[in-house]
């Protein structure tokens, strides 16, 4: 698929009025984004595949189904904010932002080049659409809390979405921020946990078990969704958005079960693929699987590759 065809799917998804078909198109777009990411990381020999692939569906749904944003005004004061606390998943964020129209898809080819506008971790002063420079795990919730408190003071109705992974939740600063948010209770602050169960050096259970996460977040004073959602099922993600809009206290937290390395059988759930270079052999094995998943998603949306 050419860049023009990729833009076409993004445009169709954005303009589709029927919610069910819109979700199908977003599923196809996120599947195509995974192909684009694996191609990009193979070409560059650097970058994080595992956490990018696990979050692709969630972030695509945010930007194409949920958030109030305007790529023509990326710094509009009243826009919703998205913080990718797990900033190493930048290839995914850049791919979504480009698809959404914040910058040309051709920019992706400059990923991690010297003086590129697409650094290895998101940089808000370089990249249109990036709301916070991230990379040091743990500070996303703190800054998201500050943003949402500022919105309260200014009377803004903007939402703040903070995506974290298990690595973020291993940091003490995250739990300090969780307690502070429960104290000040800003409206429209949402924590989204990309719960893929794997980190750089092993599984989350091996590194630092998070245990009963829903209960922990609830004990820290957050309004927690009553169940875990499937972070790769666009319909279930949409259901989580409906819960966010429902009655109850603030702030709110949703845990999504996802798969590290989603879409590639020999990479799924393997910590080695957190950030290992995508060499020629891995790329040749991985790409056909991702392309097949993309074609299947296209067919489900009533389109052909």
Protein backbone atom coordinates (compact mmCIF):
# COMPACT_ATOMS: atom_id res chain seq x y z
CA UNK A 1 0.00 0.00 0.00
CA UNK A 2 1.31 3.43 -0.92
CA UNK A 3 1.36 6.45 1.35
CA UNK A 4 -1.57 7.88 -0.60
CA UNK A 5 -3.65 4.77 0.09
CA UNK A 6 -2.73 4.92 3.77
CA UNK A 7 -3.87 8.55 3.86
CA UNK A 8 -7.08 7.47 2.15
CA UNK A 9 -7.95 4.98 4.88
CA UNK A 10 -7.21 7.55 7.57
CA UNK A 11 -9.39 10.12 5.81
CA UNK A 12 -12.23 7.64 5.36
CA UNK A 13 -12.05 6.59 9.00
CA UNK A 14 -12.15 10.20 10.11
CA UNK A 15 -15.14 11.06 7.94
CA UNK A 16 -17.18 7.89 8.48
CA UNK A 17 -20.47 8.63 10.28
CA UNK A 18 -21.51 5.09 11.13
CA UNK A 19 -19.78 4.26 14.43
CA UNK A 20 -19.46 0.53 13.78
CA UNK A 21 -17.85 0.95 10.36
CA UNK A 22 -15.70 3.78 11.68
CA UNK A 23 -14.28 1.36 14.25
CA UNK A 24 -13.63 -1.23 11.55
CA UNK A 25 -11.72 1.35 9.51
CA UNK A 26 -9.69 2.39 12.55
CA UNK A 27 -8.84 -1.27 13.17
CA UNK A 28 -7.57 -1.49 9.59
CA UNK A 29 -5.60 1.71 10.01
CA UNK A 30 -3.93 0.53 13.22
CA UNK A 31 -3.05 -2.78 11.53
CA UNK A 32 -1.46 -0.81 8.70
CA UNK A 33 0.36 1.35 11.22
CA UNK A 34 1.98 -1.79 12.64
CA UNK A 35 3.26 -2.65 9.16
CA UNK A 36 4.61 0.88 8.79
CA UNK A 37 6.34 0.67 12.18
CA UNK A 38 8.05 -2.65 11.46
CA UNK A 39 9.24 -1.31 8.09
CA UNK A 40 10.51 1.87 9.70
CA UNK A 41 12.36 0.16 12.54
CA UNK A 42 13.90 -2.33 10.14
CA UNK A 43 15.10 0.48 7.88
CA UNK A 44 16.53 2.47 10.80
CA UNK A 45 17.92 -0.44 12.81
CA UNK A 46 16.68 1.18 16.00
CA UNK A 47 13.49 1.90 17.92
CA UNK A 48 10.96 0.15 20.15
CA UNK A 49 8.63 -2.35 18.52
CA UNK A 50 7.08 -4.16 21.49
CA UNK A 51 5.36 -1.29 23.27
CA UNK A 52 4.51 0.48 20.01
CA UNK A 53 2.61 -2.55 18.73
CA UNK A 54 0.74 -3.09 22.00
CA UNK A 55 -0.61 0.47 22.09
CA UNK A 56 -1.41 1.03 18.40
CA UNK A 57 -5.13 0.22 18.60
CA UNK A 58 -5.70 2.27 21.75
CA UNK A 59 -4.00 5.40 20.46
CA UNK A 60 -5.58 5.11 17.01
CA UNK A 61 -9.00 4.95 18.65
CA UNK A 62 -8.21 7.99 20.79
CA UNK A 63 -7.16 10.15 17.86
CA UNK A 64 -9.75 9.01 15.33
CA UNK A 65 -12.75 8.22 17.53
CA UNK A 66 -12.48 10.15 20.76
CA UNK A 67 -10.32 13.22 21.16
CA UNK A 68 -11.28 16.80 20.32
CA UNK A 69 -8.29 18.04 18.34
CA UNK A 70 -7.52 19.95 15.17
CA UNK A 71 -4.27 19.19 13.32
CA UNK A 72 -4.50 22.61 11.71
CA UNK A 73 -4.17 24.12 15.19
CA UNK A 74 -1.95 21.67 17.11
CA UNK A 75 -1.48 24.15 19.97
CA UNK A 76 -5.12 25.23 20.33
CA UNK A 77 -5.67 25.98 24.04
CA UNK A 78 -8.97 24.11 24.26
CA UNK A 79 -7.76 20.87 22.69
CA UNK A 80 -7.75 17.54 24.49
CA UNK A 81 -4.31 16.37 25.59
CA UNK A 82 -2.63 12.99 25.24
CA UNK A 83 0.48 12.12 27.23
CA UNK A 84 2.45 9.06 26.16
CA UNK A 85 4.23 8.49 29.45
CA UNK A 86 5.86 5.39 27.94
CA UNK A 87 7.65 7.63 25.48
CA UNK A 88 9.76 4.85 23.96
CA UNK A 89 6.62 3.93 21.96
CA UNK A 90 7.19 7.06 19.87
CA UNK A 91 7.12 5.24 16.48
CA UNK A 92 3.49 4.40 17.16
CA UNK A 93 2.60 7.92 18.28
CA UNK A 94 4.32 9.48 15.27
CA UNK A 95 2.53 7.11 12.90
CA UNK A 96 -0.85 7.98 14.41
CA UNK A 97 -0.14 11.71 14.41
CA UNK A 98 0.96 11.61 10.77
CA UNK A 99 -2.12 9.60 9.80
CA UNK A 100 -4.29 12.12 11.64
CA UNK A 101 -2.75 14.96 9.63
CA UNK A 102 -0.43 16.68 12.10
CA UNK A 103 2.46 16.31 9.66
CA UNK A 104 3.32 14.53 6.43
CA UNK A 105 3.65 10.76 6.49
CA UNK A 106 6.99 11.21 4.72
CA UNK A 107 8.39 12.62 7.96
CA UNK A 108 8.37 9.09 9.36
CA UNK A 109 11.37 8.24 7.20
CA UNK A 110 13.45 10.68 9.25
CA UNK A 111 12.82 8.88 12.56
CA UNK A 112 15.83 9.18 14.87
CA UNK A 113 17.95 10.95 12.27
CA UNK A 114 20.26 13.67 13.56
CA UNK A 115 18.23 16.91 13.91
CA UNK A 116 15.02 15.07 12.95
CA UNK A 117 11.70 16.44 14.13
CA UNK A 118 10.89 12.83 15.13
CA UNK A 119 13.27 12.00 17.94
CA UNK A 120 13.55 8.60 19.63
CA UNK A 121 11.36 9.95 22.43
CA UNK A 122 8.61 12.52 21.78
CA UNK A 123 9.72 16.16 21.95
CA UNK A 124 6.91 18.70 22.19
CA UNK A 125 9.03 21.57 20.87
CA UNK A 126 9.94 19.63 17.73
CA UNK A 127 6.89 17.62 16.71
CA UNK A 128 3.39 18.99 15.96
CA UNK A 129 0.75 17.20 18.00
CA UNK A 130 3.04 16.05 20.81
CA UNK A 131 1.64 17.44 24.08
CA UNK A 132 4.54 16.48 26.36
CA UNK A 133 8.18 15.49 25.96
CA UNK A 134 8.41 12.03 27.52
CA UNK A 135 10.85 9.21 27.98
CA UNK A 136 11.77 9.14 31.66
CA UNK A 137 9.17 6.67 32.90
CA UNK A 138 6.97 7.88 35.71
CA UNK A 139 6.39 11.58 35.20
CA UNK A 140 3.44 11.34 32.81
CA UNK A 141 0.77 11.09 35.51
CA UNK A 142 2.27 14.01 37.41
CA UNK A 143 2.22 16.30 34.38
CA UNK A 144 -1.22 15.09 33.36
CA UNK A 145 -2.48 16.01 36.81
CA UNK A 146 -0.97 19.46 36.46
CA UNK A 147 -2.57 19.94 33.06
CA UNK A 148 -6.00 18.92 34.27
CA UNK A 149 -5.75 21.20 37.33
CA UNK A 150 -4.80 24.07 35.01
CA UNK A 151 -7.89 23.33 32.92
CA UNK A 152 -10.01 23.57 36.06
CA UNK A 153 -8.57 26.99 36.87
CA UNK A 154 -9.05 28.26 33.33
CA UNK A 155 -12.56 26.85 32.96
CA UNK A 156 -11.52 24.66 30.05
CA UNK A 157 -13.49 21.52 29.28
CA UNK A 158 -10.48 19.73 27.82
CA UNK A 159 -9.75 16.12 28.65
CA UNK A 160 -6.33 14.79 29.65
CA UNK A 161 -5.44 11.20 28.75
CA UNK A 162 -2.27 9.67 30.19
CA UNK A 163 -1.05 6.33 28.84
CA UNK A 164 1.31 4.36 31.05
CA UNK A 165 2.91 0.93 30.91
CA UNK A 166 4.07 -1.29 33.72
CA UNK A 167 7.45 0.45 33.73
CA UNK A 168 5.75 3.75 34.58
CA UNK A 169 3.86 2.09 37.42
CA UNK A 170 7.14 0.76 38.85
CA UNK A 171 8.10 4.35 39.64
CA UNK A 172 7.29 5.91 43.00
CA UNK A 173 6.49 9.24 41.37
CA UNK A 174 3.53 7.63 39.63
CA UNK A 175 1.97 6.59 42.91
CA UNK A 176 2.61 10.00 44.47
CA UNK A 177 0.78 11.52 41.51
CA UNK A 178 -2.05 9.03 41.86
CA UNK A 179 -2.51 10.04 45.49
CA UNK A 180 -2.36 13.74 44.66
CA UNK A 181 -4.92 13.32 41.86
CA UNK A 182 -7.27 11.55 44.28
CA UNK A 183 -6.91 14.49 46.67
CA UNK A 184 -7.56 17.26 44.13
CA UNK A 185 -9.97 15.29 41.89
CA UNK A 186 -9.75 17.17 38.59
CA UNK A 187 -12.48 16.39 36.08
CA UNK A 188 -11.70 14.67 32.79
CA UNK A 189 -8.34 13.22 33.86
CA UNK A 190 -8.07 9.64 32.57
CA UNK A 191 -5.30 7.12 33.20
CA UNK A 192 -5.00 4.46 30.50
CA UNK A 193 -2.84 1.46 31.41
CA UNK A 194 -1.30 -0.42 28.47
CA UNK A 195 -1.04 -3.66 30.42
CA UNK A 196 1.05 -5.84 28.12
CA UNK A 197 2.76 -7.74 30.92
CA UNK A 198 6.31 -7.44 29.58
CA UNK A 199 9.17 -5.02 30.18
CA UNK A 200 12.71 -4.55 28.89
CA UNK A 201 14.33 -7.21 31.06
CA UNK A 202 11.51 -9.71 31.54
CA UNK A 203 7.86 -10.05 32.39
CA UNK A 204 6.18 -7.65 34.77
CA UNK A 205 5.83 -10.54 37.21
CA UNK A 206 9.58 -11.07 37.14
CA UNK A 207 10.53 -7.40 37.38
CA UNK A 208 7.91 -5.96 39.75
CA UNK A 209 4.52 -7.64 40.10
CA UNK A 210 1.67 -5.15 40.09
CA UNK A 211 -0.72 -7.64 41.60
CA UNK A 212 -4.37 -6.67 41.79
CA UNK A 213 -4.04 -3.49 39.78
CA UNK A 214 -7.71 -2.53 39.65
CA UNK A 215 -7.94 -2.85 43.42
CA UNK A 216 -4.71 -0.90 43.93
CA UNK A 217 -5.82 2.00 41.79
CA UNK A 218 -9.18 2.00 43.55
CA UNK A 219 -7.48 1.96 46.95
CA UNK A 220 -5.50 5.02 45.87
CA UNK A 221 -8.79 6.87 45.43
CA UNK A 222 -9.40 6.68 41.69
CA UNK A 223 -12.66 5.81 39.98
CA UNK A 224 -11.57 2.59 38.28
CA UNK A 225 -13.43 0.89 35.44
CA UNK A 226 -15.09 -2.26 36.84
CA UNK A 227 -13.35 -4.59 34.41
CA UNK A 228 -10.28 -4.82 32.23
CA UNK A 229 -10.80 -4.09 28.54
CA UNK A 230 -9.26 -5.71 25.48
CA UNK A 231 -6.84 -3.13 24.14
CA UNK A 232 -6.82 -4.75 20.69
CA UNK A 233 -10.61 -4.89 20.21
CA UNK A 234 -11.92 -1.60 18.85
CA UNK A 235 -15.44 -2.37 20.06
CA UNK A 236 -14.21 -3.03 23.60
CA UNK A 237 -12.10 0.13 23.49
CA UNK A 238 -15.21 2.06 22.44
CA UNK A 239 -17.04 0.49 25.39
CA UNK A 240 -14.32 1.81 27.70
CA UNK A 241 -14.90 5.29 26.27
CA UNK A 242 -18.59 4.96 27.09
CA UNK A 243 -17.62 4.14 30.68
CA UNK A 244 -15.42 7.26 30.81
CA UNK A 245 -18.48 9.35 29.90
CA UNK A 246 -20.65 7.74 32.55
CA UNK A 247 -21.57 9.00 36.01
CA UNK A 248 -19.17 8.86 38.92
CA UNK A 249 -16.22 10.58 40.50
CA UNK A 250 -12.92 11.78 39.07
CA UNK A 251 -10.16 11.03 38.21
CA UNK A 252 -10.74 7.80 36.26
CA UNK A 253 -8.55 4.84 35.37
CA UNK A 254 -8.93 2.08 32.78
CA UNK A 255 -6.75 -1.01 32.47
CA UNK A 256 -6.39 -2.51 28.99
CA UNK A 257 -5.00 -5.99 28.46
CA UNK A 258 -2.66 -5.89 25.48
CA UNK A 259 0.05 -8.03 23.90
CA UNK A 260 3.66 -6.93 23.64
CA UNK A 261 4.75 -7.36 20.02
CA UNK A 262 1.13 -7.70 18.88
CA UNK A 263 0.71 -9.23 15.44
CA UNK A 264 3.96 -11.17 15.14
CA UNK A 265 3.74 -14.69 16.52
CA UNK A 266 7.40 -15.12 17.42
CA UNK A 267 7.61 -11.66 19.03
CA UNK A 268 4.44 -11.62 21.07
CA UNK A 269 5.05 -11.64 24.82
CA UNK A 270 8.84 -11.74 24.42
CA UNK A 271 10.81 -9.13 26.33
CA UNK A 272 13.72 -9.37 23.87
CA UNK A 273 11.53 -7.54 21.34
CA UNK A 274 10.92 -4.60 23.66
CA UNK A 275 13.53 -2.61 21.77
CA UNK A 276 15.76 -5.03 19.88
CA UNK A 277 16.73 -3.97 16.34
CA UNK A 278 14.53 -5.46 13.62
CA UNK A 279 17.14 -7.23 11.53
CA UNK A 280 16.61 -8.60 8.03
CA UNK A 281 15.59 -12.08 9.15
CA UNK A 282 13.12 -10.84 11.77
CA UNK A 283 11.62 -8.38 9.29
CA UNK A 284 11.19 -11.03 6.59
CA UNK A 285 9.39 -13.29 9.05
CA UNK A 286 7.32 -10.59 10.74
CA UNK A 287 6.06 -8.52 7.85
CA UNK A 288 3.90 -11.17 6.13
CA UNK A 289 2.05 -11.81 9.40
CA UNK A 290 1.38 -8.12 9.92
CA UNK A 291 0.33 -7.66 6.30
CA UNK A 292 -2.08 -10.61 6.54
CA UNK A 293 -3.63 -9.07 9.65
CA UNK A 294 -3.96 -5.78 7.81
CA UNK A 295 -5.68 -7.42 4.82
CA UNK A 296 -8.06 -9.20 7.18
CA UNK A 297 -8.91 -5.92 8.92
CA UNK A 298 -9.45 -4.24 5.55
CA UNK A 299 -11.83 -6.99 4.50
CA UNK A 300 -13.75 -6.62 7.76
CA UNK A 301 -14.13 -2.91 6.94
CA UNK A 302 -15.48 -3.78 3.52
CA UNK A 303 -12.37 -2.82 1.63
CA UNK A 304 -9.66 -4.66 -0.29
CA UNK A 305 -5.89 -4.28 -0.18
